[in-house]
Amino acid sequence: MGEILEVRWHARGGQGAKTASLLLAQAASMEGKYSQGFPDYGPERMGAPMRGFTRISDDPIKVHCAIYSPEMVVVLDDTLLISVDVAAGVPESGIIVVNTLKSAKEIRELLGIEGTRIFVVDATGIAIEEIGRPIPNAPMLGALIKVSGILSLDTVINEIKKKFSHGFRVEVLEGNVRAINRAHEEVSAE
């Protein structure tokens, strides 16, 4: 079997990590890849810490468990940085993308890690401005696509349009697309 790219999402219930992990997997399948996207909840309540997982591969994926050594970690809530070891299992060549107002250097110092590439973006601020709600999942998808290059931005946007074209107001759909594009442009590193 070929190499599997693994992404672990850290968030609080209600921030959209489950949706983002599934959307990333669905977008990967649109590019002809095999994929999995699934959540892992503790107590199922709004605001409780939770994780999401995404696997992407050119070959069928035969493993079905949590991700312990991800190449990429996406943190939708920077308050988790002090209570959850979000960097656990990430190799020095890995990527961590954090929704925060802090700099990448500040996040590196807070996590006490070296080598791993750290990227930051104010996804909550972007979501509030573009969507009208503090749900950072769409901007974090845009940031992840930019820093990783794992999929085409157009594929992700088309998947969002497909998924949200029914049952959501046009303004919400357009706001999510703008949020993805903004975070794709605004994500930064050290």
C-alpha atoms as a PDB file:
ATOM      1  CA  MET A   1       0.000   0.000   0.000  1.00  0.00           C
ATOM      2  CA  GLY A   2       1.216   3.526  -0.760  1.00  0.00           C
ATOM      3  CA  GLU A   3       1.815   6.302   1.704  1.00  0.00           C
ATOM      4  CA  ILE A   4      -1.168   7.614   3.643  1.00  0.00           C
ATOM      5  CA  LEU A   5      -1.333  11.299   4.524  1.00  0.00           C
ATOM      6  CA  GLU A   6      -2.899  11.749   7.961  1.00  0.00           C
ATOM      7  CA  VAL A   7      -4.423  14.945   9.369  1.00  0.00           C
ATOM      8  CA  ARG A   8      -5.628  15.338  12.959  1.00  0.00           C
ATOM      9  CA  TRP A   9      -8.071  18.128  13.836  1.00  0.00           C
ATOM     10  CA  HIS A  10      -8.370  19.577  17.362  1.00  0.00           C
ATOM     11  CA  ALA A  11     -11.385  21.720  18.227  1.00  0.00           C
ATOM     12  CA  ARG A  12     -14.269  22.241  20.566  1.00  0.00           C
ATOM     13  CA  GLY A  13     -17.721  20.898  19.784  1.00  0.00           C
ATOM     14  CA  GLY A  14     -19.572  23.315  17.509  1.00  0.00           C
ATOM     15  CA  GLN A  15     -16.511  24.739  15.731  1.00  0.00           C
ATOM     16  CA  GLY A  16     -16.935  22.536  12.675  1.00  0.00           C
ATOM     17  CA  ALA A  17     -13.957  20.155  12.907  1.00  0.00           C
ATOM     18  CA  LYS A  18     -16.152  17.147  12.114  1.00  0.00           C
ATOM     19  CA  THR A  19     -17.491  18.881   9.017  1.00  0.00           C
ATOM     20  CA  ALA A  20     -14.010  20.030   7.966  1.00  0.00           C
ATOM     21  CA  SER A  21     -12.485  16.559   8.339  1.00  0.00           C
ATOM     22  CA  LEU A  22     -15.292  15.069   6.253  1.00  0.00           C
ATOM     23  CA  LEU A  23     -15.143  17.828   3.617  1.00  0.00           C
ATOM     24  CA  LEU A  24     -11.399  17.381   3.196  1.00  0.00           C
ATOM     25  CA  ALA A  25     -11.910  13.634   2.707  1.00  0.00           C
ATOM     26  CA  GLN A  26     -14.741  14.194   0.228  1.00  0.00           C
ATOM     27  CA  ALA A  27     -12.658  16.734  -1.725  1.00  0.00           C
ATOM     28  CA  ALA A  28      -9.800  14.214  -1.877  1.00  0.00           C
ATOM     29  CA  SER A  29     -12.157  11.625  -3.364  1.00  0.00           C
ATOM     30  CA  MET A  30     -13.150  14.191  -6.001  1.00  0.00           C
ATOM     31  CA  GLU A  31      -9.477  14.256  -7.023  1.00  0.00           C
ATOM     32  CA  GLY A  32      -9.513  10.465  -7.431  1.00  0.00           C
ATOM     33  CA  LYS A  33      -7.892   9.652  -4.097  1.00  0.00           C
ATOM     34  CA  TYR A  34      -8.996   7.247  -1.397  1.00  0.00           C
ATOM     35  CA  SER A  35      -9.960   8.978   1.827  1.00  0.00           C
ATOM     36  CA  GLN A  36     -11.503   8.759   5.274  1.00  0.00           C
ATOM     37  CA  GLY A  37     -12.891  11.513   7.463  1.00  0.00           C
ATOM     38  CA  PHE A  38     -14.371  10.918  10.893  1.00  0.00           C
ATOM     39  CA  PRO A  39     -14.737  12.513  14.345  1.00  0.00           C
ATOM     40  CA  ASP A  40     -13.741  11.332  17.814  1.00  0.00           C
ATOM     41  CA  TYR A  41     -15.792  12.800  20.634  1.00  0.00           C
ATOM     42  CA  GLY A  42     -15.327  12.833  24.342  1.00  0.00           C
ATOM     43  CA  PRO A  43     -18.459  14.128  26.026  1.00  0.00           C
ATOM     44  CA  GLU A  44     -20.746  15.106  23.171  1.00  0.00           C
ATOM     45  CA  ARG A  45     -21.559  18.689  24.025  1.00  0.00           C
ATOM     46  CA  MET A  46     -21.003  22.132  22.631  1.00  0.00           C
ATOM     47  CA  GLY A  47     -17.611  23.462  23.688  1.00  0.00           C
ATOM     48  CA  ALA A  48     -16.109  20.119  24.765  1.00  0.00           C
ATOM     49  CA  PRO A  49     -12.728  19.198  23.271  1.00  0.00           C
ATOM     50  CA  MET A  50     -12.991  16.853  20.306  1.00  0.00           C
ATOM     51  CA  ARG A  51     -10.836  15.520  17.493  1.00  0.00           C
ATOM     52  CA  GLY A  52     -11.418  14.853  13.844  1.00  0.00           C
ATOM     53  CA  PHE A  53      -9.322  12.735  11.524  1.00  0.00           C
ATOM     54  CA  THR A  54      -8.683  12.698   7.776  1.00  0.00           C
ATOM     55  CA  ARG A  55      -6.679  10.145   5.797  1.00  0.00           C
ATOM     56  CA  ILE A  56      -5.814  10.576   2.107  1.00  0.00           C
ATOM     57  CA  SER A  57      -4.032   8.049  -0.108  1.00  0.00           C
ATOM     58  CA  ASP A  58      -3.561   7.023  -3.721  1.00  0.00           C
ATOM     59  CA  ASP A  59      -4.247   3.436  -2.646  1.00  0.00           C
ATOM     60  CA  PRO A  60      -7.114   1.879  -0.663  1.00  0.00           C
ATOM     61  CA  ILE A  61      -6.928   2.667   3.057  1.00  0.00           C
ATOM     62  CA  LYS A  62      -7.179  -0.416   5.237  1.00  0.00           C
ATOM     63  CA  VAL A  63      -6.586   1.115   8.662  1.00  0.00           C
ATOM     64  CA  HIS A  64      -9.607   2.348  10.643  1.00  0.00           C
ATOM     65  CA  CYS A  65      -8.517   3.923  13.915  1.00  0.00           C
ATOM     66  CA  ALA A  66      -7.571   7.250  15.462  1.00  0.00           C
ATOM     67  CA  ILE A  67      -4.485   9.017  14.102  1.00  0.00           C
ATOM     68  CA  TYR A  68      -1.554   9.069  16.513  1.00  0.00           C
ATOM     69  CA  SER A  69       1.319  10.231  14.263  1.00  0.00           C
ATOM     70  CA  PRO A  70      -0.188  12.797  11.876  1.00  0.00           C
ATOM     71  CA  GLU A  71       1.836  14.679   9.299  1.00  0.00           C
ATOM     72  CA  MET A  72      -0.503  17.619   9.841  1.00  0.00           C
ATOM     73  CA  VAL A  73      -2.458  18.990  12.769  1.00  0.00           C
ATOM     74  CA  VAL A  74      -5.146  21.661  12.529  1.00  0.00           C
ATOM     75  CA  VAL A  75      -6.134  23.462  15.753  1.00  0.00           C
ATOM     76  CA  LEU A  76      -9.421  25.366  15.532  1.00  0.00           C
ATOM     77  CA  ASP A  77      -9.265  26.738  19.091  1.00  0.00           C
ATOM     78  CA  ASP A  78      -5.971  27.989  20.521  1.00  0.00           C
ATOM     79  CA  THR A  79      -7.217  27.562  24.109  1.00  0.00           C
ATOM     80  CA  LEU A  80      -6.673  23.829  23.544  1.00  0.00           C
ATOM     81  CA  LEU A  81      -2.920  24.443  23.276  1.00  0.00           C
ATOM     82  CA  ILE A  82      -2.640  24.595  27.070  1.00  0.00           C
ATOM     83  CA  SER A  83      -4.890  21.621  27.849  1.00  0.00           C
ATOM     84  CA  VAL A  84      -4.299  19.164  24.985  1.00  0.00           C
ATOM     85  CA  ASP A  85      -0.979  17.923  23.587  1.00  0.00           C
ATOM     86  CA  VAL A  86      -1.849  18.876  20.003  1.00  0.00           C
ATOM     87  CA  ALA A  87       1.741  18.227  18.848  1.00  0.00           C
ATOM     88  CA  ALA A  88       1.768  14.609  20.097  1.00  0.00           C
ATOM     89  CA  GLY A  89       3.130  12.303  17.427  1.00  0.00           C
ATOM     90  CA  VAL A  90       3.829  15.040  14.868  1.00  0.00           C
ATOM     91  CA  PRO A  91       7.240  14.522  13.222  1.00  0.00           C
ATOM     92  CA  GLU A  92       9.780  17.331  12.889  1.00  0.00           C
ATOM     93  CA  SER A  93       8.858  17.475   9.196  1.00  0.00           C
ATOM     94  CA  GLY A  94       5.180  17.941  10.130  1.00  0.00           C
ATOM     95  CA  ILE A  95       2.858  20.916   9.947  1.00  0.00           C
ATOM     96  CA  ILE A  96       0.692  22.495  12.653  1.00  0.00           C
ATOM     97  CA  VAL A  97      -1.873  25.131  11.630  1.00  0.00           C
ATOM     98  CA  VAL A  98      -3.446  27.131  14.468  1.00  0.00           C
ATOM     99  CA  ASN A  99      -6.423  29.473  14.553  1.00  0.00           C
ATOM    100  CA  THR A 100      -5.023  32.266  16.706  1.00  0.00           C
ATOM    101  CA  LEU A 101      -4.120  35.925  17.006  1.00  0.00           C
ATOM    102  CA  LYS A 102      -0.664  34.905  18.272  1.00  0.00           C
ATOM    103  CA  SER A 103       2.396  34.708  16.018  1.00  0.00           C
ATOM    104  CA  ALA A 104       3.823  31.395  14.848  1.00  0.00           C
ATOM    105  CA  LYS A 105       6.861  32.096  17.032  1.00  0.00           C
ATOM    106  CA  GLU A 106       4.629  32.510  20.107  1.00  0.00           C
ATOM    107  CA  ILE A 107       2.844  29.224  19.312  1.00  0.00           C
ATOM    108  CA  ARG A 108       6.196  27.417  18.896  1.00  0.00           C
ATOM    109  CA  GLU A 109       7.326  28.701  22.316  1.00  0.00           C
ATOM    110  CA  LEU A 110       3.989  27.772  23.911  1.00  0.00           C
ATOM    111  CA  LEU A 111       4.182  24.232  22.516  1.00  0.00           C
ATOM    112  CA  GLY A 112       7.901  23.933  23.297  1.00  0.00           C
ATOM    113  CA  ILE A 113       8.720  22.267  19.989  1.00  0.00           C
ATOM    114  CA  GLU A 114      11.342  22.702  17.305  1.00  0.00           C
ATOM    115  CA  GLY A 115      11.484  21.655  13.682  1.00  0.00           C
ATOM    116  CA  THR A 116       7.779  21.267  13.055  1.00  0.00           C
ATOM    117  CA  ARG A 117       6.465  23.979  10.743  1.00  0.00           C
ATOM    118  CA  ILE A 118       3.966  26.238  12.523  1.00  0.00           C
ATOM    119  CA  PHE A 119       1.390  28.328  10.649  1.00  0.00           C
ATOM    120  CA  VAL A 120      -1.181  30.720  12.084  1.00  0.00           C
ATOM    121  CA  VAL A 121      -4.297  32.450  10.837  1.00  0.00           C
ATOM    122  CA  ASP A 122      -7.124  34.385  12.513  1.00  0.00           C
ATOM    123  CA  ALA A 123      -9.781  31.984  11.246  1.00  0.00           C
ATOM    124  CA  THR A 124     -12.358  33.067  13.828  1.00  0.00           C
ATOM    125  CA  GLY A 125     -11.960  36.719  12.835  1.00  0.00           C
ATOM    126  CA  ILE A 126     -12.257  35.808   9.161  1.00  0.00           C
ATOM    127  CA  ALA A 127     -15.356  33.679   9.857  1.00  0.00           C
ATOM    128  CA  ILE A 128     -17.042  36.484  11.782  1.00  0.00           C
ATOM    129  CA  GLU A 129     -16.327  39.006   9.016  1.00  0.00           C
ATOM    130  CA  GLU A 130     -17.228  36.764   6.071  1.00  0.00           C
ATOM    131  CA  ILE A 131     -19.882  34.390   7.440  1.00  0.00           C
ATOM    132  CA  GLY A 132     -21.210  36.337  10.410  1.00  0.00           C
ATOM    133  CA  ARG A 133     -20.551  33.505  12.863  1.00  0.00           C
ATOM    134  CA  PRO A 134     -17.432  32.437  14.813  1.00  0.00           C
ATOM    135  CA  ILE A 135     -17.164  29.015  13.179  1.00  0.00           C
ATOM    136  CA  PRO A 136     -13.556  28.668  11.955  1.00  0.00           C
ATOM    137  CA  ASN A 137     -13.703  25.398  10.007  1.00  0.00           C
ATOM    138  CA  ALA A 138     -13.967  26.840   6.470  1.00  0.00           C
ATOM    139  CA  PRO A 139     -11.091  29.299   6.886  1.00  0.00           C
ATOM    140  CA  MET A 140      -8.963  26.577   8.472  1.00  0.00           C
ATOM    141  CA  LEU A 141      -9.553  24.402   5.413  1.00  0.00           C
ATOM    142  CA  GLY A 142      -8.291  27.241   3.225  1.00  0.00           C
ATOM    143  CA  ALA A 143      -5.200  27.694   5.397  1.00  0.00           C
ATOM    144  CA  LEU A 144      -4.463  23.952   5.434  1.00  0.00           C
ATOM    145  CA  ILE A 145      -4.734  23.713   1.648  1.00  0.00           C
ATOM    146  CA  LYS A 146      -2.326  26.643   1.245  1.00  0.00           C
ATOM    147  CA  VAL A 147       0.397  25.372   3.594  1.00  0.00           C
ATOM    148  CA  SER A 148       0.182  21.713   2.606  1.00  0.00           C
ATOM    149  CA  GLY A 149      -0.692  21.671  -1.073  1.00  0.00           C
ATOM    150  CA  ILE A 150      -2.481  18.353  -0.481  1.00  0.00           C
ATOM    151  CA  LEU A 151      -5.410  19.258  -2.733  1.00  0.00           C
ATOM    152  CA  SER A 152      -6.457  21.946  -5.150  1.00  0.00           C
ATOM    153  CA  LEU A 153      -8.195  24.934  -3.577  1.00  0.00           C
ATOM    154  CA  ASP A 154     -10.756  24.793  -6.396  1.00  0.00           C
ATOM    155  CA  THR A 155     -11.611  21.180  -5.532  1.00  0.00           C
ATOM    156  CA  VAL A 156     -12.258  22.110  -1.892  1.00  0.00           C
ATOM    157  CA  ILE A 157     -14.373  25.128  -2.865  1.00  0.00           C
ATOM    158  CA  ASN A 158     -16.383  23.049  -5.341  1.00  0.00           C
ATOM    159  CA  GLU A 159     -17.002  20.417  -2.653  1.00  0.00           C
ATOM    160  CA  ILE A 160     -18.219  23.124  -0.247  1.00  0.00           C
ATOM    161  CA  LYS A 161     -20.520  24.534  -2.922  1.00  0.00           C
ATOM    162  CA  LYS A 162     -21.866  21.053  -3.640  1.00  0.00           C
ATOM    163  CA  LYS A 163     -22.395  20.176   0.013  1.00  0.00           C
ATOM    164  CA  PHE A 164     -23.929  23.500   1.062  1.00  0.00           C
ATOM    165  CA  SER A 165     -25.920  24.415  -2.047  1.00  0.00           C
ATOM    166  CA  HIS A 166     -29.029  22.834  -0.517  1.00  0.00           C
ATOM    167  CA  GLY A 167     -30.335  23.944   2.847  1.00  0.00           C
ATOM    168  CA  PHE A 168     -28.090  27.016   3.266  1.00  0.00           C
ATOM    169  CA  ARG A 169     -28.744  30.578   2.238  1.00  0.00           C
ATOM    170  CA  VAL A 170     -26.664  31.782  -0.708  1.00  0.00           C
ATOM    171  CA  GLU A 171     -25.068  34.405   1.573  1.00  0.00           C
ATOM    172  CA  VAL A 172     -23.777  31.665   3.904  1.00  0.00           C
ATOM    173  CA  LEU A 173     -22.345  29.653   1.023  1.00  0.00           C
ATOM    174  CA  GLU A 174     -20.678  32.714  -0.511  1.00  0.00           C
ATOM    175  CA  GLY A 175     -19.363  33.768   2.909  1.00  0.00           C
ATOM    176  CA  ASN A 176     -17.749  30.362   3.409  1.00  0.00           C
ATOM    177  CA  VAL A 177     -16.081  30.566  -0.005  1.00  0.00           C
ATOM    178  CA  ARG A 178     -14.756  34.058   0.796  1.00  0.00           C
ATOM    179  CA  ALA A 179     -13.531  32.804   4.197  1.00  0.00           C
ATOM    180  CA  ILE A 180     -11.647  29.913   2.591  1.00  0.00           C
ATOM    181  CA  ASN A 181     -10.017  32.212   0.057  1.00  0.00           C
ATOM    182  CA  ARG A 182      -9.068  34.816   2.683  1.00  0.00           C
ATOM    183  CA  ALA A 183      -7.466  32.286   5.018  1.00  0.00           C
ATOM    184  CA  HIS A 184      -5.641  30.781   2.030  1.00  0.00           C
ATOM    185  CA  GLU A 185      -4.089  34.213   1.485  1.00  0.00           C
ATOM    186  CA  GLU A 186      -3.655  35.316   5.098  1.00  0.00           C
ATOM    187  CA  VAL A 187      -2.103  32.214   6.709  1.00  0.00           C
ATOM    188  CA  SER A 188       1.462  32.936   7.839  1.00  0.00           C
ATOM    189  CA  ALA A 189       4.501  31.287   9.389  1.00  0.00           C
ATOM    190  CA  GLU A 190       7.520  32.446  11.396  1.00  0.00           C
END
